[in-house]
PDB file of all heavy atoms in Angstrom:
ATOM      1  N   ARG A   1      62.254 109.493  65.521  1.00  0.00           N
ATOM      2  CA  ARG A   1      63.565 110.121  65.690  1.00  0.00           C
ATOM      3  C   ARG A   1      63.690 110.903  66.992  1.00  0.00           C
ATOM      4  O   ARG A   1      64.730 111.499  67.264  1.00  0.00           O
ATOM      5  CB  ARG A   1      63.854 111.030  64.496  1.00  0.00           C
ATOM      6  CG  ARG A   1      64.026 110.231  63.222  1.00  0.00           C
ATOM      7  CD  ARG A   1      64.334 111.104  62.048  1.00  0.00           C
ATOM      8  NE  ARG A   1      64.578 110.300  60.852  1.00  0.00           N
ATOM      9  CZ  ARG A   1      64.720 110.803  59.653  1.00  0.00           C
ATOM     10  NH1 ARG A   1      64.650 112.117  59.460  1.00  0.00           N
ATOM     11  NH2 ARG A   1      64.927 110.009  58.626  1.00  0.00           N
ATOM     12  N   GLY A   2      62.631 110.944  67.790  1.00  0.00           N
ATOM     13  CA  GLY A   2      62.697 111.587  69.110  1.00  0.00           C
ATOM     14  C   GLY A   2      62.438 113.079  69.116  1.00  0.00           C
ATOM     15  O   GLY A   2      62.675 113.741  70.118  1.00  0.00           O
ATOM     16  N   TRP A   3      61.922 113.626  68.013  1.00  0.00           N
ATOM     17  CA  TRP A   3      61.657 115.070  67.953  1.00  0.00           C
ATOM     18  C   TRP A   3      60.339 115.448  68.610  1.00  0.00           C
ATOM     19  O   TRP A   3      60.199 116.554  69.128  1.00  0.00           O
ATOM     20  CB  TRP A   3      61.642 115.547  66.502  1.00  0.00           C
ATOM     21  CG  TRP A   3      62.998 115.639  65.892  1.00  0.00           C
ATOM     22  CD1 TRP A   3      63.582 114.740  65.049  1.00  0.00           C
ATOM     23  CD2 TRP A   3      63.959 116.677  66.079  1.00  0.00           C
ATOM     24  NE1 TRP A   3      64.836 115.165  64.701  1.00  0.00           N
ATOM     25  CE2 TRP A   3      65.087 116.354  65.318  1.00  0.00           C
ATOM     26  CE3 TRP A   3      63.949 117.853  66.818  1.00  0.00           C
ATOM     27  CZ2 TRP A   3      66.212 117.165  65.267  1.00  0.00           C
ATOM     28  CZ3 TRP A   3      65.065 118.661  66.764  1.00  0.00           C
ATOM     29  CH2 TRP A   3      66.185 118.314  65.998  1.00  0.00           C
ATOM     30  N   VAL A   4      59.323 114.577  68.524  1.00  0.00           N
ATOM     31  CA  VAL A   4      58.001 114.892  69.055  1.00  0.00           C
ATOM     32  C   VAL A   4      57.441 113.700  69.815  1.00  0.00           C
ATOM     33  O   VAL A   4      57.897 112.570  69.653  1.00  0.00           O
ATOM     34  CB  VAL A   4      57.003 115.307  67.940  1.00  0.00           C
ATOM     35  CG1 VAL A   4      57.483 116.536  67.187  1.00  0.00           C
ATOM     36  CG2 VAL A   4      56.714 114.156  66.988  1.00  0.00           C
ATOM     37  N   ASN A   5      56.432 113.988  70.633  1.00  0.00           N
ATOM     38  CA  ASN A   5      55.682 112.968  71.365  1.00  0.00           C
ATOM     39  C   ASN A   5      54.207 113.243  71.138  1.00  0.00           C
ATOM     40  O   ASN A   5      53.793 114.398  71.124  1.00  0.00           O
ATOM     41  CB  ASN A   5      55.969 113.040  72.867  1.00  0.00           C
ATOM     42  CG  ASN A   5      57.430 112.845  73.172  1.00  0.00           C
ATOM     43  OD1 ASN A   5      57.998 111.833  72.825  1.00  0.00           O
ATOM     44  ND2 ASN A   5      58.043 113.819  73.812  1.00  0.00           N
ATOM     45  N   SER A   6      53.434 112.189  70.978  1.00  0.00           N
ATOM     46  CA  SER A   6      51.994 112.356  70.823  1.00  0.00           C
ATOM     47  C   SER A   6      51.302 111.913  72.095  1.00  0.00           C
ATOM     48  O   SER A   6      51.675 110.902  72.698  1.00  0.00           O
ATOM     49  CB  SER A   6      51.483 111.537  69.641  1.00  0.00           C
ATOM     50  OG  SER A   6      52.024 112.042  68.453  1.00  0.00           O
ATOM     51  N   ARG A   7      50.296 112.685  72.486  1.00  0.00           N
ATOM     52  CA  ARG A   7      49.482 112.358  73.669  1.00  0.00           C
ATOM     53  C   ARG A   7      48.026 112.392  73.240  1.00  0.00           C
ATOM     54  O   ARG A   7      47.414 113.456  73.176  1.00  0.00           O
ATOM     55  CB  ARG A   7      49.722 113.371  74.781  1.00  0.00           C
ATOM     56  CG  ARG A   7      51.137 113.379  75.273  1.00  0.00           C
ATOM     57  CD  ARG A   7      51.307 114.331  76.425  1.00  0.00           C
ATOM     58  NE  ARG A   7      52.638 114.916  76.327  1.00  0.00           N
ATOM     59  CZ  ARG A   7      52.969 116.091  76.769  1.00  0.00           C
ATOM     60  NH1 ARG A   7      52.074 116.856  77.354  1.00  0.00           N
ATOM     61  NH2 ARG A   7      54.193 116.554  76.637  1.00  0.00           N
ATOM     62  N   ALA A   8      47.508 111.200  72.933  1.00  0.00           N
ATOM     63  CA  ALA A   8      46.112 111.125  72.505  1.00  0.00           C
ATOM     64  C   ALA A   8      45.219 111.429  73.706  1.00  0.00           C
ATOM     65  O   ALA A   8      45.522 111.015  74.808  1.00  0.00           O
ATOM     66  CB  ALA A   8      45.816 109.742  71.956  1.00  0.00           C
ATOM     67  N   PRO A   9      44.160 112.112  73.571  1.00  0.00           N
ATOM     68  CA  PRO A   9      43.694 112.857  72.410  1.00  0.00           C
ATOM     69  C   PRO A   9      44.141 114.323  72.440  1.00  0.00           C
ATOM     70  O   PRO A   9      43.599 115.157  71.740  1.00  0.00           O
ATOM     71  CB  PRO A   9      42.182 112.768  72.541  1.00  0.00           C
ATOM     72  CG  PRO A   9      41.958 112.835  74.031  1.00  0.00           C
ATOM     73  CD  PRO A   9      43.153 112.114  74.642  1.00  0.00           C
ATOM     74  N   ILE A  10      45.165 114.624  73.229  1.00  0.00           N
ATOM     75  CA  ILE A  10      45.563 116.023  73.442  1.00  0.00           C
ATOM     76  C   ILE A  10      46.262 116.613  72.227  1.00  0.00           C
ATOM     77  O   ILE A  10      45.986 117.727  71.823  1.00  0.00           O
ATOM     78  CB  ILE A  10      46.452 116.144  74.693  1.00  0.00           C
ATOM     79  CG1 ILE A  10      45.691 115.661  75.919  1.00  0.00           C
ATOM     80  CG2 ILE A  10      46.925 117.569  74.886  1.00  0.00           C
ATOM     81  CD1 ILE A  10      46.551 115.482  77.144  1.00  0.00           C
ATOM     82  N   GLY A  11      47.209 115.879  71.642  1.00  0.00           N
ATOM     83  CA  GLY A  11      47.913 116.388  70.478  1.00  0.00           C
ATOM     84  C   GLY A  11      49.364 115.951  70.443  1.00  0.00           C
ATOM     85  O   GLY A  11      49.785 115.065  71.176  1.00  0.00           O
ATOM     86  N   THR A  12      50.109 116.632  69.600  1.00  0.00           N
ATOM     87  CA  THR A  12      51.529 116.330  69.404  1.00  0.00           C
ATOM     88  C   THR A  12      52.355 117.468  69.981  1.00  0.00           C
ATOM     89  O   THR A  12      52.062 118.637  69.741  1.00  0.00           O
ATOM     90  CB  THR A  12      51.839 116.142  67.907  1.00  0.00           C
ATOM     91  OG1 THR A  12      51.008 115.087  67.408  1.00  0.00           O
ATOM     92  CG2 THR A  12      53.292 115.778  67.682  1.00  0.00           C
ATOM     93  N   PHE A  13      53.386 117.104  70.739  1.00  0.00           N
ATOM     94  CA  PHE A  13      54.232 118.074  71.416  1.00  0.00           C
ATOM     95  C   PHE A  13      55.679 117.879  70.994  1.00  0.00           C
ATOM     96  O   PHE A  13      56.129 116.753  70.778  1.00  0.00           O
ATOM     97  CB  PHE A  13      54.153 117.891  72.937  1.00  0.00           C
ATOM     98  CG  PHE A  13      52.800 118.205  73.506  1.00  0.00           C
ATOM     99  CD1 PHE A  13      51.750 117.301  73.409  1.00  0.00           C
ATOM    100  CD2 PHE A  13      52.569 119.424  74.128  1.00  0.00           C
ATOM    101  CE1 PHE A  13      50.499 117.603  73.923  1.00  0.00           C
ATOM    102  CE2 PHE A  13      51.322 119.731  74.645  1.00  0.00           C
ATOM    103  CZ  PHE A  13      50.280 118.815  74.541  1.00  0.00           C
ATOM    104  N   VAL A  14      56.399 118.990  70.917  1.00  0.00           N
ATOM    105  CA  VAL A  14      57.840 118.917  70.703  1.00  0.00           C
ATOM    106  C   VAL A  14      58.427 118.226  71.935  1.00  0.00           C
ATOM    107  O   VAL A  14      57.986 118.478  73.064  1.00  0.00           O
ATOM    108  CB  VAL A  14      58.439 120.334  70.535  1.00  0.00           C
ATOM    109  CG1 VAL A  14      59.951 120.271  70.428  1.00  0.00           C
ATOM    110  CG2 VAL A  14      57.835 121.030  69.323  1.00  0.00           C
ATOM    111  N   ALA A  15      59.382 117.360  71.732  1.00  0.00           N
ATOM    112  CA  ALA A  15      60.012 116.661  72.853  1.00  0.00           C
ATOM    113  C   ALA A  15      60.605 117.678  73.832  1.00  0.00           C
ATOM    114  O   ALA A  15      60.982 118.788  73.445  1.00  0.00           O
ATOM    115  CB  ALA A  15      61.099 115.724  72.343  1.00  0.00           C
ATOM    116  N   ALA A  16      60.680 117.292  75.086  1.00  0.00           N
ATOM    117  CA  ALA A  16      61.200 118.194  76.123  1.00  0.00           C
ATOM    118  C   ALA A  16      62.702 118.420  75.989  1.00  0.00           C
ATOM    119  O   ALA A  16      63.218 119.432  76.455  1.00  0.00           O
ATOM    120  CB  ALA A  16      60.875 117.642  77.505  1.00  0.00           C
ATOM    121  N   VAL A  17      63.391 117.489  75.359  1.00  0.00           N
ATOM    122  CA  VAL A  17      64.830 117.631  75.096  1.00  0.00           C
ATOM    123  C   VAL A  17      65.098 117.255  73.650  1.00  0.00           C
ATOM    124  O   VAL A  17      64.361 116.481  73.047  1.00  0.00           O
ATOM    125  CB  VAL A  17      65.695 116.739  76.030  1.00  0.00           C
ATOM    126  CG1 VAL A  17      65.569 117.162  77.468  1.00  0.00           C
ATOM    127  CG2 VAL A  17      65.337 115.281  75.868  1.00  0.00           C
ATOM    128  N   MET A  18      66.156 117.816  73.113  1.00  0.00           N
ATOM    129  CA  MET A  18      66.535 117.499  71.731  1.00  0.00           C
ATOM    130  C   MET A  18      66.932 116.028  71.655  1.00  0.00           C
ATOM    131  O   MET A  18      67.472 115.478  72.621  1.00  0.00           O
ATOM    132  CB  MET A  18      67.727 118.358  71.302  1.00  0.00           C
ATOM    133  CG  MET A  18      67.435 119.833  71.253  1.00  0.00           C
ATOM    134  SD  MET A  18      66.436 120.306  69.861  1.00  0.00           S
ATOM    135  CE  MET A  18      67.702 120.664  68.689  1.00  0.00           C
ATOM    136  N   PRO A  19      66.694 115.386  70.514  1.00  0.00           N
ATOM    137  CA  PRO A  19      67.137 113.997  70.361  1.00  0.00           C
ATOM    138  C   PRO A  19      68.641 113.883  70.597  1.00  0.00           C
ATOM    139  O   PRO A  19      69.395 114.829  70.338  1.00  0.00           O
ATOM    140  CB  PRO A  19      66.790 113.669  68.909  1.00  0.00           C
ATOM    141  CG  PRO A  19      65.754 114.662  68.519  1.00  0.00           C
ATOM    142  CD  PRO A  19      66.033 115.894  69.336  1.00  0.00           C
ATOM    143  N   ALA A  20      69.060 112.730  71.075  1.00  0.00           N
ATOM    144  CA  ALA A  20      70.482 112.520  71.370  1.00  0.00           C
ATOM    145  C   ALA A  20      71.350 112.800  70.154  1.00  0.00           C
ATOM    146  O   ALA A  20      72.467 113.314  70.284  1.00  0.00           O
ATOM    147  CB  ALA A  20      70.707 111.091  71.862  1.00  0.00           C
ATOM    148  N   SER A  21      70.848 112.501  68.974  1.00  0.00           N
ATOM    149  CA  SER A  21      71.628 112.729  67.760  1.00  0.00           C
ATOM    150  C   SER A  21      71.883 114.213  67.516  1.00  0.00           C
ATOM    151  O   SER A  21      72.774 114.576  66.761  1.00  0.00           O
ATOM    152  CB  SER A  21      70.918 112.137  66.548  1.00  0.00           C
ATOM    153  OG  SER A  21      69.652 112.764  66.365  1.00  0.00           O
ATOM    154  N   GLU A  22      71.125 115.080  68.161  1.00  0.00           N
ATOM    155  CA  GLU A  22      71.268 116.524  67.990  1.00  0.00           C
ATOM    156  C   GLU A  22      72.050 117.179  69.120  1.00  0.00           C
ATOM    157  O   GLU A  22      72.379 118.353  69.047  1.00  0.00           O
ATOM    158  CB  GLU A  22      69.885 117.183  67.905  1.00  0.00           C
ATOM    159  CG  GLU A  22      69.102 116.769  66.692  1.00  0.00           C
ATOM    160  CD  GLU A  22      69.702 117.278  65.396  1.00  0.00           C
ATOM    161  OE1 GLU A  22      70.150 118.442  65.344  1.00  0.00           O
ATOM    162  OE2 GLU A  22      69.718 116.504  64.425  1.00  0.00           O
ATOM    163  N   GLN A  23      72.303 116.426  70.178  1.00  0.00           N
ATOM    164  CA  GLN A  23      73.029 116.976  71.318  1.00  0.00           C
ATOM    165  C   GLN A  23      74.497 117.140  70.936  1.00  0.00           C
ATOM    166  O   GLN A  23      75.079 116.257  70.315  1.00  0.00           O
ATOM    167  CB  GLN A  23      72.931 116.043  72.532  1.00  0.00           C
ATOM    168  CG  GLN A  23      71.523 115.838  73.039  1.00  0.00           C
ATOM    169  CD  GLN A  23      70.969 117.051  73.726  1.00  0.00           C
ATOM    170  OE1 GLN A  23      71.696 117.909  74.194  1.00  0.00           O
ATOM    171  NE2 GLN A  23      69.653 117.138  73.779  1.00  0.00           N
ATOM    172  N   PRO A  24      75.097 118.262  71.293  1.00  0.00           N
ATOM    173  CA  PRO A  24      76.518 118.423  70.979  1.00  0.00           C
ATOM    174  C   PRO A  24      77.359 117.439  71.791  1.00  0.00           C
ATOM    175  O   PRO A  24      77.050 117.154  72.942  1.00  0.00           O
ATOM    176  CB  PRO A  24      76.817 119.869  71.390  1.00  0.00           C
ATOM    177  CG  PRO A  24      75.737 120.246  72.341  1.00  0.00           C
ATOM    178  CD  PRO A  24      74.536 119.401  71.984  1.00  0.00           C
ATOM    179  N   ALA A  25      78.375 116.912  71.162  1.00  0.00           N
ATOM    180  CA  ALA A  25      79.268 115.990  71.854  1.00  0.00           C
ATOM    181  C   ALA A  25      80.072 116.767  72.888  1.00  0.00           C
ATOM    182  O   ALA A  25      80.472 117.906  72.648  1.00  0.00           O
ATOM    183  CB  ALA A  25      80.202 115.322  70.855  1.00  0.00           C
ATOM    184  N   PRO A  26      80.308 116.169  74.060  1.00  0.00           N
ATOM    185  CA  PRO A  26      81.101 116.877  75.069  1.00  0.00           C
ATOM    186  C   PRO A  26      82.535 117.072  74.587  1.00  0.00           C
ATOM    187  O   PRO A  26      83.071 116.249  73.847  1.00  0.00           O
ATOM    188  CB  PRO A  26      81.051 115.951  76.287  1.00  0.00           C
ATOM    189  CG  PRO A  26      80.619 114.632  75.772  1.00  0.00           C
ATOM    190  CD  PRO A  26      79.886 114.853  74.492  1.00  0.00           C
ATOM    191  N   THR A  27      83.131 118.142  75.025  1.00  0.00           N
ATOM    192  CA  THR A  27      84.517 118.422  74.652  1.00  0.00           C
ATOM    193  C   THR A  27      85.446 117.574  75.504  1.00  0.00           C
ATOM    194  O   THR A  27      85.060 117.043  76.552  1.00  0.00           O
ATOM    195  CB  THR A  27      84.864 119.904  74.858  1.00  0.00           C
ATOM    196  OG1 THR A  27      84.818 120.189  76.265  1.00  0.00           O
ATOM    197  CG2 THR A  27      83.919 120.817  74.099  1.00  0.00           C
ATOM    198  N   LEU A  28      86.688 117.482  75.084  1.00  0.00           N
ATOM    199  CA  LEU A  28      87.685 116.735  75.836  1.00  0.00           C
ATOM    200  C   LEU A  28      87.872 117.339  77.228  1.00  0.00           C
ATOM    201  O   LEU A  28      88.018 116.617  78.215  1.00  0.00           O
ATOM    202  CB  LEU A  28      89.013 116.714  75.069  1.00  0.00           C
ATOM    203  CG  LEU A  28      90.124 115.870  75.653  1.00  0.00           C
ATOM    204  CD1 LEU A  28      89.660 114.424  75.843  1.00  0.00           C
ATOM    205  CD2 LEU A  28      91.342 115.914  74.763  1.00  0.00           C
ATOM    206  N   ILE A  29      87.810 118.651  77.315  1.00  0.00           N
ATOM    207  CA  ILE A  29      87.959 119.320  78.619  1.00  0.00           C
ATOM    208  C   ILE A  29      86.803 118.941  79.535  1.00  0.00           C
ATOM    209  O   ILE A  29      87.007 118.643  80.712  1.00  0.00           O
ATOM    210  CB  ILE A  29      88.039 120.849  78.423  1.00  0.00           C
ATOM    211  CG1 ILE A  29      89.344 121.203  77.700  1.00  0.00           C
ATOM    212  CG2 ILE A  29      87.923 121.596  79.748  1.00  0.00           C
ATOM    213  CD1 ILE A  29      89.446 122.644  77.256  1.00  0.00           C
ATOM    214  N   GLU A  30      85.578 118.928  78.984  1.00  0.00           N
ATOM    215  CA  GLU A  30      84.417 118.550  79.797  1.00  0.00           C
ATOM    216  C   GLU A  30      84.521 117.099  80.256  1.00  0.00           C
ATOM    217  O   GLU A  30      84.235 116.780  81.418  1.00  0.00           O
ATOM    218  CB  GLU A  30      83.122 118.760  79.003  1.00  0.00           C
ATOM    219  CG  GLU A  30      82.798 120.209  78.731  1.00  0.00           C
ATOM    220  CD  GLU A  30      81.676 120.395  77.725  1.00  0.00           C
ATOM    221  OE1 GLU A  30      81.491 119.534  76.831  1.00  0.00           O
ATOM    222  OE2 GLU A  30      80.987 121.416  77.833  1.00  0.00           O
ATOM    223  N   LEU A  31      84.941 116.215  79.345  1.00  0.00           N
ATOM    224  CA  LEU A  31      85.091 114.813  79.715  1.00  0.00           C
ATOM    225  C   LEU A  31      86.179 114.630  80.767  1.00  0.00           C
ATOM    226  O   LEU A  31      86.021 113.847  81.711  1.00  0.00           O
ATOM    227  CB  LEU A  31      85.410 113.973  78.473  1.00  0.00           C
ATOM    228  CG  LEU A  31      84.261 113.806  77.478  1.00  0.00           C
ATOM    229  CD1 LEU A  31      84.756 113.090  76.230  1.00  0.00           C
ATOM    230  CD2 LEU A  31      83.105 113.059  78.096  1.00  0.00           C
ATOM    231  N   SER A  32      87.273 115.358  80.643  1.00  0.00           N
ATOM    232  CA  SER A  32      88.355 115.273  81.634  1.00  0.00           C
ATOM    233  C   SER A  32      87.860 115.720  83.003  1.00  0.00           C
ATOM    234  O   SER A  32      88.184 115.102  84.021  1.00  0.00           O
ATOM    235  CB  SER A  32      89.543 116.138  81.202  1.00  0.00           C
ATOM    236  OG  SER A  32      90.119 115.633  80.034  1.00  0.00           O
ATOM    237  N   ALA A  33      87.078 116.774  83.045  1.00  0.00           N
ATOM    238  CA  ALA A  33      86.529 117.260  84.315  1.00  0.00           C
ATOM    239  C   ALA A  33      85.601 116.216  84.924  1.00  0.00           C
ATOM    240  O   ALA A  33      85.629 115.983  86.145  1.00  0.00           O
ATOM    241  CB  ALA A  33      85.797 118.584  84.107  1.00  0.00           C
ATOM    242  N   GLN A  34      84.797 115.568  84.099  1.00  0.00           N
ATOM    243  CA  GLN A  34      83.903 114.527  84.607  1.00  0.00           C
ATOM    244  C   GLN A  34      84.690 113.355  85.167  1.00  0.00           C
ATOM    245  O   GLN A  34      84.351 112.807  86.219  1.00  0.00           O
ATOM    246  CB  GLN A  34      82.956 114.043  83.504  1.00  0.00           C
ATOM    247  CG  GLN A  34      81.899 115.060  83.115  1.00  0.00           C
ATOM    248  CD  GLN A  34      81.042 114.591  81.949  1.00  0.00           C
ATOM    249  OE1 GLN A  34      81.248 113.516  81.378  1.00  0.00           O
ATOM    250  NE2 GLN A  34      80.075 115.414  81.588  1.00  0.00           N
ATOM    251  N   VAL A  35      85.775 112.972  84.487  1.00  0.00           N
ATOM    252  CA  VAL A  35      86.621 111.872  84.969  1.00  0.00           C
ATOM    253  C   VAL A  35      87.240 112.247  86.311  1.00  0.00           C
ATOM    254  O   VAL A  35      87.250 111.438  87.252  1.00  0.00           O
ATOM    255  CB  VAL A  35      87.710 111.509  83.925  1.00  0.00           C
ATOM    256  CG1 VAL A  35      88.770 110.598  84.524  1.00  0.00           C
ATOM    257  CG2 VAL A  35      87.068 110.861  82.706  1.00  0.00           C
ATOM    258  N   ARG A  36      87.753 113.476  86.440  1.00  0.00           N
ATOM    259  CA  ARG A  36      88.335 113.914  87.724  1.00  0.00           C
ATOM    260  C   ARG A  36      87.294 113.864  88.836  1.00  0.00           C
ATOM    261  O   ARG A  36      87.572 113.411  89.942  1.00  0.00           O
ATOM    262  CB  ARG A  36      88.893 115.333  87.598  1.00  0.00           C
ATOM    263  CG  ARG A  36      90.286 115.414  87.009  1.00  0.00           C
ATOM    264  CD  ARG A  36      90.921 116.794  87.189  1.00  0.00           C
ATOM    265  NE  ARG A  36      90.090 117.880  86.688  1.00  0.00           N
ATOM    266  CZ  ARG A  36      90.023 118.273  85.413  1.00  0.00           C
ATOM    267  NH1 ARG A  36      90.754 117.665  84.505  1.00  0.00           N
ATOM    268  NH2 ARG A  36      89.242 119.271  85.045  1.00  0.00           N
ATOM    269  N   ASP A  37      86.080 114.336  88.549  1.00  0.00           N
ATOM    270  CA  ASP A  37      85.012 114.306  89.554  1.00  0.00           C
ATOM    271  C   ASP A  37      84.686 112.876  89.971  1.00  0.00           C
ATOM    272  O   ASP A  37      84.516 112.588  91.163  1.00  0.00           O
ATOM    273  CB  ASP A  37      83.743 114.985  89.023  1.00  0.00           C
ATOM    274  CG  ASP A  37      83.903 116.484  88.841  1.00  0.00           C
ATOM    275  OD1 ASP A  37      84.883 117.062  89.363  1.00  0.00           O
ATOM    276  OD2 ASP A  37      83.036 117.083  88.153  1.00  0.00           O
ATOM    277  N   LEU A  38      84.619 111.987  88.994  1.00  0.00           N
ATOM    278  CA  LEU A  38      84.325 110.587  89.306  1.00  0.00           C
ATOM    279  C   LEU A  38      85.460 109.945  90.102  1.00  0.00           C
ATOM    280  O   LEU A  38      85.211 109.162  91.027  1.00  0.00           O
ATOM    281  CB  LEU A  38      84.063 109.803  88.017  1.00  0.00           C
ATOM    282  CG  LEU A  38      82.743 110.126  87.320  1.00  0.00           C
ATOM    283  CD1 LEU A  38      82.695 109.464  85.947  1.00  0.00           C
ATOM    284  CD2 LEU A  38      81.558 109.705  88.165  1.00  0.00           C
ATOM    285  N   GLN A  39      86.703 110.277  89.767  1.00  0.00           N
ATOM    286  CA  GLN A  39      87.832 109.740  90.530  1.00  0.00           C
ATOM    287  C   GLN A  39      87.766 110.200  91.983  1.00  0.00           C
ATOM    288  O   GLN A  39      88.031 109.424  92.902  1.00  0.00           O
ATOM    289  CB  GLN A  39      89.156 110.173  89.890  1.00  0.00           C
ATOM    290  CG  GLN A  39      89.455 109.458  88.592  1.00  0.00           C
ATOM    291  CD  GLN A  39      90.665 110.025  87.870  1.00  0.00           C
ATOM    292  OE1 GLN A  39      90.945 111.220  87.932  1.00  0.00           O
ATOM    293  NE2 GLN A  39      91.382 109.155  87.154  1.00  0.00           N
ATOM    294  N   ALA A  40      87.408 111.453  92.211  1.00  0.00           N
ATOM    295  CA  ALA A  40      87.296 111.973  93.572  1.00  0.00           C
ATOM    296  C   ALA A  40      86.187 111.244  94.330  1.00  0.00           C
ATOM    297  O   ALA A  40      86.353 110.890  95.502  1.00  0.00           O
ATOM    298  CB  ALA A  40      87.030 113.478  93.542  1.00  0.00           C
ATOM    299  N   GLU A  41      85.056 111.008  93.656  1.00  0.00           N
ATOM    300  CA  GLU A  41      83.955 110.295  94.311  1.00  0.00           C
ATOM    301  C   GLU A  41      84.363 108.867  94.663  1.00  0.00           C
ATOM    302  O   GLU A  41      84.059 108.385  95.756  1.00  0.00           O
ATOM    303  CB  GLU A  41      82.725 110.262  93.398  1.00  0.00           C
ATOM    304  CG  GLU A  41      81.953 111.557  93.358  1.00  0.00           C
ATOM    305  CD  GLU A  41      80.676 111.423  92.547  1.00  0.00           C
ATOM    306  OE1 GLU A  41      79.903 110.476  92.785  1.00  0.00           O
ATOM    307  OE2 GLU A  41      80.464 112.283  91.670  1.00  0.00           O
ATOM    308  N   VAL A  42      85.053 108.195  93.763  1.00  0.00           N
ATOM    309  CA  VAL A  42      85.502 106.824  94.016  1.00  0.00           C
ATOM    310  C   VAL A  42      86.461 106.811  95.196  1.00  0.00           C
ATOM    311  O   VAL A  42      86.381 105.942  96.078  1.00  0.00           O
ATOM    312  CB  VAL A  42      86.149 106.203  92.753  1.00  0.00           C
ATOM    313  CG1 VAL A  42      86.888 104.915  93.080  1.00  0.00           C
ATOM    314  CG2 VAL A  42      85.091 105.968  91.687  1.00  0.00           C
ATOM    315  N   SER A  43      87.340 107.778  95.253  1.00  0.00           N
ATOM    316  CA  SER A  43      88.290 107.861  96.368  1.00  0.00           C
ATOM    317  C   SER A  43      87.554 108.042  97.693  1.00  0.00           C
ATOM    318  O   SER A  43      87.875 107.371  98.682  1.00  0.00           O
ATOM    319  CB  SER A  43      89.263 109.020  96.126  1.00  0.00           C
ATOM    320  OG  SER A  43      90.149 109.138  97.203  1.00  0.00           O
ATOM    321  N   GLN A  44      86.565 108.919  97.708  1.00  0.00           N
ATOM    322  CA  GLN A  44      85.786 109.135  98.936  1.00  0.00           C
ATOM    323  C   GLN A  44      85.026 107.873  99.331  1.00  0.00           C
ATOM    324  O   GLN A  44      84.971 107.514 100.516  1.00  0.00           O
ATOM    325  CB  GLN A  44      84.802 110.291  98.746  1.00  0.00           C
ATOM    326  CG  GLN A  44      85.456 111.652  98.659  1.00  0.00           C
ATOM    327  CD  GLN A  44      84.459 112.748  98.283  1.00  0.00           C
ATOM    328  OE1 GLN A  44      83.336 112.478  97.897  1.00  0.00           O
ATOM    329  NE2 GLN A  44      84.905 113.989  98.380  1.00  0.00           N
TER     330      GLN A  44
END
């Protein structure tokens, strides 16, 4: 499920980032800002 990683023979470590299923979904405002940024890059 992406919560831990094992490194033989060192041990088991918590993943460096939360699994995607645990990441909060971006808000509409955040997505709109990303679209505007991408539109500006495409224009340039």
